[in-house]
Every structure is written in structure tokens, then in C-alpha cells.
Amino acid sequence: MTSVLVVDDEPQIRRALRTGLQARGYDVSEAPDGEDALAIIAAKAPDLVVLDLGLPDLDGAEVIRRLRTWSRVPVIILSVRDAQDDKVGALESGADDYITKPFDMEELVARMRATLRRTQPADAGTPRLVFDDLDVDLTRKLVQRAGHRIHLTPTEYALLEAMATNPGKLLTHRWLLQKVWGTGYGQETHYLHVYVRQLRQKLGDDTGIPTLIITEPGVGYRWGATGSPID
């Protein structure tokens, strides 16, 4: 049974989420604030976190920043804040998706499933991909450069995998969004801008003259490195 931690200071929201998610077969825990959430995640290691931004003790973005220092658990923001800056800030902090209140339960569940799919291990027979000193092990979801491990969030890794397994191809914004986030996406180009910037930084790809992730203005991105699979 998939375990979900719901973090929200409003009891009625937590109750609605618990009822709706339990009816769909999820094991649900609750936390009313950020500190309790971090303690529960450390103790119970849920499969996914649904997190409000407006918490009484810590802002949700700060909860994610602290969490990302020691955990890769996927996080979906569920917040009344709908400003672009709030969405981008949450994604930059390490969130995997963002839904605004009021929300539709079916949409939330669909996005949860899409997010969880991105964290599943690859098939055992999937090869490694090597691009000069960059090594992407698709079986273990392990990325190294010059022998040093690069720590990626599940969404960062999913975006890297989508690009690295299609070298040289023009990958449109819509294709990448649907490949990484799910078929319900297509217009959220700000997701891509945030994650591509973070990927370039972590991979050491020069943002001025990138050689790994090439921007095709107004269209999408292209994986520019050449390499070979290793079984």
C-alpha cells in the first residue's frame, strides 16, 4: 500500500484528503505543520508527501529545502497560492509538482501516480549510458561525472533520462512535459525552465554555452552529448 503524508494546517483539508485518498487505497498520515512533517518523514519514510505552503511554523518551501538535504521523497505542493513566483520558488526548492486550491481529487490522484511512476526503478536489463565523463546508470538511477556521484531529485533524474535516452533529437516542451510529468501536462513550460537550469548546474553544463542540454528557442531542448550504451 502506497503511503502518503498530508501536511496542512487546516483540519478540514487534511480530513478531506485522508477520506479521499484512503478510499482509493492509500495509507495516509497527517501533519499540521512543517516541524511535525519533517519528524514524520524521518520516522516513517512515506512514499509521497502532499504539502501546503502556508504552514504556521515553516513555509512549505523551507520544509522542502530542509528535506532535500537528506531525502528524495517526492513532494507535491497543494496550495492556495497561484502566483508564478510561488510555483517557481517551490520547484526550485525541490518540489516535484504544484496544484492550486481548490483542487479536484481525481487530478491530485492522477498527478500522484505520475510522480510515483518517476521514482520507480528501471527494468533490470536497461543499460548504462556513458557520455565522456558522464555516466548515467539507468538500472540504478545513478548519475556520476568524473567518478563523483551527482545527487538528483526524482524529477530531475526523470528529465535527464528522457533527454539522455534520445540524444540528438529535438524534444519539444510538450513532449518532455508529458514524458516526465504525465499526459495531463503540456503548457507548464516554467517547470522545464526551472528543472533544466537545475540540471545544468548539477551536471556542470556551462549555462552560457551548454554542451549537454541545448536550448531550441521557443520549441524545446536537445541532448547534445554523444555516447554509447553499456550492458
Protein backbone atom coordinates (compact mmCIF):
# COMPACT_ATOMS: atom_id res chain seq x y z
CA MET A 1 0.00 0.00 0.00
CA THR A 2 1.40 3.39 -1.00
CA SER A 3 1.93 5.67 2.00
CA VAL A 4 1.19 9.40 1.75
CA LEU A 5 1.87 12.16 4.26
CA VAL A 6 -0.57 15.09 4.09
CA VAL A 7 0.83 18.32 5.54
CA ASP A 8 -1.72 21.11 6.04
CA ASP A 9 -2.67 23.33 8.96
CA GLU A 10 -6.40 23.18 8.11
CA PRO A 11 -8.07 20.14 9.73
CA GLN A 12 -10.87 20.09 7.16
CA ILE A 13 -8.37 19.86 4.28
CA ARG A 14 -6.49 17.05 6.00
CA ARG A 15 -9.78 15.25 6.68
CA ALA A 16 -10.93 15.59 3.06
CA LEU A 17 -7.60 14.34 1.74
CA ARG A 18 -7.48 11.44 4.18
CA THR A 19 -11.01 10.35 3.26
CA GLY A 20 -10.46 10.69 -0.48
CA LEU A 21 -7.05 9.01 -0.54
CA GLN A 22 -7.96 6.17 1.81
CA ALA A 23 -10.99 5.42 -0.37
CA ARG A 24 -8.52 4.94 -3.25
CA GLY A 25 -6.33 2.56 -1.32
CA TYR A 26 -3.62 4.87 0.09
CA ASP A 27 -2.18 4.70 3.60
CA VAL A 28 -2.46 8.29 4.87
CA SER A 29 -0.62 10.08 7.70
CA GLU A 30 -1.14 13.72 8.70
CA ALA A 31 0.95 16.62 9.98
CA PRO A 32 -0.34 20.12 10.90
CA ASP A 33 2.98 21.94 10.48
CA GLY A 34 6.46 21.73 9.00
CA GLU A 35 8.40 20.50 12.01
CA ASP A 36 5.96 17.64 12.59
CA ALA A 37 6.13 16.80 8.89
CA LEU A 38 9.92 16.53 8.91
CA ALA A 39 9.82 14.33 12.02
CA ILE A 40 7.21 12.01 10.49
CA ILE A 41 9.11 11.73 7.22
CA ALA A 42 12.27 10.81 9.12
CA ALA A 43 10.44 8.20 11.21
CA LYS A 44 8.04 6.66 8.67
CA ALA A 45 9.62 7.35 5.25
CA PRO A 46 6.35 7.81 3.32
CA ASP A 47 6.27 7.16 -0.42
CA LEU A 48 4.97 10.66 -1.20
CA VAL A 49 4.25 13.98 0.55
CA VAL A 50 1.37 16.36 -0.21
CA LEU A 51 2.47 19.70 1.25
CA ASP A 52 0.79 23.07 1.79
CA LEU A 53 2.98 26.18 1.57
CA GLY A 54 1.21 28.28 4.20
CA LEU A 55 2.13 26.44 7.38
CA PRO A 56 2.09 28.06 10.86
CA ASP A 57 5.75 27.44 11.71
CA LEU A 58 7.75 26.96 8.49
CA ASP A 59 6.94 28.00 4.97
CA GLY A 60 6.42 24.95 2.78
CA ALA A 61 9.37 25.91 0.58
CA GLU A 62 11.63 25.90 3.65
CA VAL A 63 10.31 22.44 4.57
CA ILE A 64 11.32 21.19 1.12
CA ARG A 65 14.77 22.81 1.31
CA ARG A 66 15.45 21.09 4.64
CA LEU A 67 14.01 17.82 3.41
CA ARG A 68 16.15 17.79 0.27
CA THR A 69 19.33 17.78 2.34
CA TRP A 70 18.61 14.17 3.35
CA SER A 71 15.62 12.77 1.45
CA ARG A 72 14.48 12.27 -2.17
CA VAL A 73 10.84 11.55 -1.27
CA PRO A 74 8.60 13.08 -3.97
CA VAL A 75 6.67 16.18 -2.89
CA ILE A 76 3.52 17.64 -4.44
CA ILE A 77 2.61 21.17 -3.37
CA LEU A 78 -1.11 21.75 -2.71
CA SER A 79 -1.58 25.45 -2.03
CA VAL A 80 -3.96 28.37 -2.48
CA ARG A 81 -1.03 30.45 -3.76
CA ASP A 82 -1.22 30.65 -7.54
CA ALA A 83 1.44 33.27 -8.34
CA GLN A 84 4.14 32.24 -10.79
CA ASP A 85 6.86 33.21 -8.31
CA ASP A 86 5.42 30.84 -5.69
CA LYS A 87 5.29 27.97 -8.16
CA VAL A 88 8.80 28.54 -9.45
CA GLY A 89 10.14 29.00 -5.91
CA ALA A 90 8.63 25.71 -4.77
CA LEU A 91 10.00 23.84 -7.79
CA GLU A 92 13.44 25.35 -7.27
CA SER A 93 13.34 24.24 -3.64
CA GLY A 94 12.83 20.65 -4.80
CA ALA A 95 9.09 20.08 -5.21
CA ASP A 96 8.02 17.66 -7.94
CA ASP A 97 4.65 19.17 -8.81
CA TYR A 98 2.30 22.01 -7.86
CA ILE A 99 -1.50 22.05 -7.61
CA THR A 100 -3.57 25.05 -6.57
CA LYS A 101 -6.58 25.01 -4.25
CA PRO A 102 -9.47 24.46 -4.72
CA PHE A 103 -8.45 21.15 -6.24
CA ASP A 104 -10.05 18.15 -7.89
CA MET A 105 -9.34 14.87 -6.11
CA GLU A 106 -9.07 12.92 -9.36
CA GLU A 107 -6.50 15.37 -10.70
CA LEU A 108 -4.49 15.12 -7.48
CA VAL A 109 -4.51 11.32 -7.60
CA ALA A 110 -3.51 11.33 -11.28
CA ARG A 111 -0.56 13.61 -10.53
CA MET A 112 0.42 11.49 -7.53
CA ARG A 113 0.50 8.40 -9.74
CA ALA A 114 2.57 10.20 -12.37
CA THR A 115 5.01 11.43 -9.73
CA LEU A 116 5.34 7.98 -8.19
CA ARG A 117 5.98 6.41 -11.60
CA ARG A 118 9.01 8.68 -11.98
CA THR A 119 10.51 7.21 -8.81
CA GLN A 120 10.15 3.54 -9.78
CA PRO A 121 13.35 1.61 -10.61
CA ALA A 122 14.12 0.94 -14.25
CA ASP A 123 14.00 -2.56 -15.75
CA ALA A 124 16.92 -4.73 -14.73
CA GLY A 125 18.12 -5.09 -18.33
CA THR A 126 18.36 -1.36 -19.00
CA PRO A 127 21.92 -0.34 -19.91
CA ARG A 128 24.17 2.39 -18.68
CA LEU A 129 24.78 5.41 -20.88
CA VAL A 130 28.23 6.97 -20.97
CA PHE A 131 28.90 10.43 -22.40
CA ASP A 132 32.61 11.14 -22.00
CA ASP A 133 32.97 11.51 -18.20
CA LEU A 134 29.20 11.50 -17.54
CA ASP A 135 27.84 8.07 -16.56
CA VAL A 136 24.07 7.50 -16.36
CA ASP A 137 23.15 4.11 -14.88
CA LEU A 138 19.50 3.65 -15.87
CA THR A 139 19.14 0.47 -13.84
CA ARG A 140 20.09 2.01 -10.51
CA LYS A 141 19.10 5.60 -11.40
CA LEU A 142 22.66 6.59 -10.54
CA VAL A 143 24.42 9.54 -12.19
CA GLN A 144 28.15 10.22 -11.91
CA ARG A 145 30.52 12.67 -13.53
CA ALA A 146 34.27 12.09 -13.43
CA GLY A 147 33.61 9.39 -10.83
CA HIS A 148 31.69 11.69 -8.48
CA ARG A 149 28.03 10.97 -7.76
CA ILE A 150 25.53 13.67 -8.71
CA HIS A 151 22.50 13.74 -6.42
CA LEU A 152 19.31 14.40 -8.39
CA THR A 153 15.69 14.59 -7.26
CA PRO A 154 13.33 12.05 -8.89
CA THR A 155 12.01 14.70 -11.29
CA GLU A 156 15.49 15.94 -12.21
CA TYR A 157 16.53 12.36 -12.92
CA ALA A 158 13.40 11.66 -14.99
CA LEU A 159 14.11 14.73 -17.13
CA LEU A 160 17.75 13.70 -17.57
CA GLU A 161 16.72 10.18 -18.57
CA ALA A 162 14.19 11.48 -21.11
CA MET A 163 16.89 13.57 -22.74
CA ALA A 164 19.87 11.22 -22.48
CA THR A 165 17.94 8.29 -23.99
CA ASN A 166 17.08 10.43 -27.03
CA PRO A 167 20.43 12.00 -27.97
CA GLY A 168 20.41 14.49 -30.82
CA LYS A 169 16.62 14.57 -31.14
CA LEU A 170 14.60 17.76 -30.83
CA LEU A 171 12.42 17.20 -27.76
CA THR A 172 9.53 19.65 -27.65
CA HIS A 173 8.31 21.29 -24.47
CA ARG A 174 5.04 19.37 -24.73
CA TRP A 175 6.77 16.00 -25.28
CA LEU A 176 9.07 16.50 -22.31
CA LEU A 177 6.27 17.65 -20.02
CA GLN A 178 4.12 14.64 -20.90
CA LYS A 179 7.06 12.24 -20.71
CA VAL A 180 8.25 13.44 -17.30
CA TRP A 181 5.15 14.83 -15.57
CA GLY A 182 2.38 12.90 -17.34
CA THR A 183 -0.19 13.13 -20.13
CA GLY A 184 -2.16 15.85 -18.36
CA TYR A 185 0.66 18.34 -18.91
CA GLY A 186 1.70 20.37 -21.92
CA GLN A 187 1.60 24.08 -21.10
CA GLU A 188 3.71 24.26 -17.91
CA THR A 189 6.92 25.38 -19.63
CA HIS A 190 8.09 27.06 -16.41
CA TYR A 191 8.54 23.55 -14.98
CA LEU A 192 11.06 22.84 -17.72
CA HIS A 193 12.89 26.16 -17.33
CA VAL A 194 13.38 25.53 -13.60
CA TYR A 195 14.49 21.91 -13.93
CA VAL A 196 16.74 22.43 -16.94
CA ARG A 197 18.54 25.21 -15.07
CA GLN A 198 18.97 22.96 -12.03
CA LEU A 199 20.14 20.03 -14.16
CA ARG A 200 22.72 22.15 -15.94
CA GLN A 201 24.09 23.36 -12.62
CA LYS A 202 24.32 19.87 -11.14
CA LEU A 203 25.81 18.34 -14.29
CA GLY A 204 28.36 21.14 -14.65
CA ASP A 205 26.93 22.11 -18.04
CA ASP A 206 28.07 25.67 -18.82
CA THR A 207 24.88 27.76 -18.74
CA GLY A 208 26.47 30.28 -21.11
CA ILE A 209 27.50 27.73 -23.73
CA PRO A 210 25.83 24.43 -22.74
CA THR A 211 27.02 21.26 -24.46
CA LEU A 212 24.78 18.69 -22.76
CA ILE A 213 21.33 20.32 -22.79
CA ILE A 214 20.91 22.53 -25.84
CA THR A 215 18.02 25.02 -25.92
CA GLU A 216 15.96 25.22 -29.09
CA PRO A 217 14.32 28.65 -28.51
CA GLY A 218 10.54 28.54 -28.37
CA VAL A 219 10.42 24.82 -29.21
CA GLY A 220 12.21 22.64 -26.67
CA TYR A 221 15.59 21.09 -25.91
CA ARG A 222 18.11 18.72 -27.46
CA TRP A 223 20.58 16.39 -25.70
CA GLY A 224 23.84 17.44 -27.33
CA ALA A 225 26.28 14.87 -25.92
CA THR A 226 27.25 11.76 -27.85
CA GLY A 227 27.83 8.49 -26.08
CA SER A 228 27.18 4.79 -26.07
CA PRO A 229 25.15 2.25 -24.06
CA ILE A 230 26.89 -0.31 -21.85
CA ASP A 231 25.03 -3.52 -21.00
